[in-house]
Amino acid sequence: MDIADLEATTSWYERVLGLRRDMVMPYPEKNLTLTAVGGFLLIGGSAEALQPFRATVGTLLVPDIEPYLERLRAEGAELVRRPFRAPVGSGVTVRHPDGSIIEYVHHRPG
């Protein structure tokens, strides 16, 4: 989402989920800002900075990538982006059998 919309969107997720954000973090290497609310990772930046992430339907925050990666492979998910290091831990992007592209990212508040 456009960086100007990040605060309003974060507040919406907080109200809907009944949770407070547990992370706000600049990601200067990609010119992005990351915010976590519950299991959702919200990504804000310019249209140009967000372009590589546009095909991703959502980002799911998980306690550990490896078990998910093993199950996803066993269940026929296709790797779109190999495991990578993210500011909060490791991540992987996969295409589910239904065609949805989902990024799984390790994150737990410190």
Protein backbone atom coordinates (compact mmCIF):
# COMPACT_ATOMS: atom_id res chain seq x y z
CA MET A 1 0.00 0.00 0.00
CA ASP A 2 1.05 3.57 -0.46
CA ILE A 3 3.11 4.67 2.52
CA ALA A 4 0.59 7.50 3.13
CA ASP A 5 -2.12 4.87 3.77
CA LEU A 6 -0.07 2.66 6.11
CA GLU A 7 -1.15 4.30 9.39
CA ALA A 8 -4.88 4.27 8.55
CA THR A 9 -4.67 0.67 7.33
CA THR A 10 -2.74 -0.42 10.43
CA SER A 11 -5.37 1.21 12.66
CA TRP A 12 -8.14 -0.61 10.77
CA TYR A 13 -6.45 -3.99 11.34
CA GLU A 14 -5.97 -3.14 15.03
CA ARG A 15 -9.68 -2.36 15.41
CA VAL A 16 -10.88 -5.41 13.48
CA LEU A 17 -8.53 -7.86 15.21
CA GLY A 18 -8.76 -6.24 18.64
CA LEU A 19 -4.94 -6.21 18.77
CA ARG A 20 -2.21 -3.61 18.86
CA ARG A 21 0.60 -3.57 16.32
CA ASP A 22 3.64 -5.35 17.68
CA MET A 23 6.16 -4.05 15.17
CA VAL A 24 6.83 -1.00 13.04
CA MET A 25 10.09 -1.24 11.21
CA PRO A 26 11.75 0.60 8.35
CA TYR A 27 13.22 -1.65 5.66
CA PRO A 28 15.60 0.84 4.02
CA GLU A 29 17.22 -1.74 1.72
CA LYS A 30 13.88 -1.99 -0.12
CA ASN A 31 12.56 1.53 0.66
CA LEU A 32 9.64 0.02 2.61
CA THR A 33 8.07 0.23 6.05
CA LEU A 34 6.81 -2.99 7.69
CA THR A 35 4.08 -3.13 10.35
CA ALA A 36 2.81 -6.29 12.07
CA VAL A 37 -0.67 -6.64 13.55
CA GLY A 38 -1.39 -10.15 14.78
CA GLY A 39 -0.63 -12.54 11.94
CA PHE A 40 -0.64 -9.83 9.26
CA LEU A 41 2.41 -8.08 7.88
CA LEU A 42 1.49 -4.78 6.25
CA ILE A 43 3.95 -3.37 3.73
CA GLY A 44 4.05 0.33 2.89
CA GLY A 45 6.11 2.12 0.29
CA SER A 46 6.07 3.96 -3.00
CA ALA A 47 4.51 2.36 -6.08
CA GLU A 48 8.01 1.68 -7.41
CA ALA A 49 9.23 0.06 -4.17
CA LEU A 50 6.09 -2.11 -3.94
CA GLN A 51 6.18 -3.32 -7.55
CA PRO A 52 8.12 -6.58 -6.82
CA PHE A 53 5.50 -7.48 -4.17
CA ARG A 54 2.31 -6.75 -6.16
CA ALA A 55 1.65 -10.37 -7.20
CA THR A 56 1.71 -11.51 -3.57
CA VAL A 57 -1.81 -11.85 -2.18
CA GLY A 58 -0.69 -11.70 1.44
CA THR A 59 2.09 -12.19 3.91
CA LEU A 60 1.58 -14.63 6.77
CA LEU A 61 3.70 -14.28 9.90
CA VAL A 62 4.74 -17.67 11.27
CA PRO A 63 6.89 -18.81 14.21
CA ASP A 64 9.29 -20.85 12.03
CA ILE A 65 9.65 -21.12 8.25
CA GLU A 66 11.08 -24.64 7.97
CA PRO A 67 8.00 -26.68 9.04
CA TYR A 68 5.81 -24.63 6.70
CA LEU A 69 8.26 -25.00 3.83
CA GLU A 70 8.35 -28.79 4.27
CA ARG A 71 4.54 -29.06 4.37
CA LEU A 72 4.07 -26.66 1.46
CA ARG A 73 6.45 -28.67 -0.72
CA ALA A 74 4.77 -31.94 0.30
CA GLU A 75 1.36 -30.47 -0.59
CA GLY A 76 2.37 -29.29 -4.04
CA ALA A 77 3.10 -25.59 -3.49
CA GLU A 78 5.49 -24.06 -6.01
CA LEU A 79 8.37 -21.86 -4.87
CA VAL A 80 8.07 -18.39 -6.38
CA ARG A 81 10.94 -16.97 -4.34
CA ARG A 82 13.45 -19.22 -2.63
CA PRO A 83 14.00 -18.86 1.12
CA PHE A 84 15.43 -15.45 1.91
CA ARG A 85 16.51 -13.33 4.85
CA ALA A 86 14.02 -10.68 5.88
CA PRO A 87 14.50 -7.94 8.48
CA VAL A 88 12.47 -9.94 11.03
CA GLY A 89 13.87 -13.40 10.18
CA SER A 90 13.60 -15.69 7.19
CA GLY A 91 10.92 -15.94 4.53
CA VAL A 92 9.74 -17.79 1.46
CA THR A 93 7.16 -16.98 -1.24
CA VAL A 94 5.07 -19.78 -2.73
CA ARG A 95 2.20 -20.32 -5.13
CA HIS A 96 -0.54 -22.41 -3.55
CA PRO A 97 -2.30 -24.98 -5.73
CA ASP A 98 -5.24 -22.53 -6.06
CA GLY A 99 -2.86 -20.01 -7.64
CA SER A 100 -2.61 -17.65 -4.64
CA ILE A 101 0.88 -16.29 -4.06
CA ILE A 102 1.60 -16.11 -0.33
CA GLU A 103 4.75 -14.98 1.46
CA TYR A 104 5.54 -16.77 4.73
CA VAL A 105 7.78 -14.74 7.04
CA HIS A 106 9.20 -15.68 10.42
CA HIS A 107 8.35 -13.08 13.03
CA ARG A 108 7.70 -12.99 16.69
CA PRO A 109 7.82 -9.81 18.75
CA GLY A 110 11.03 -9.45 20.70
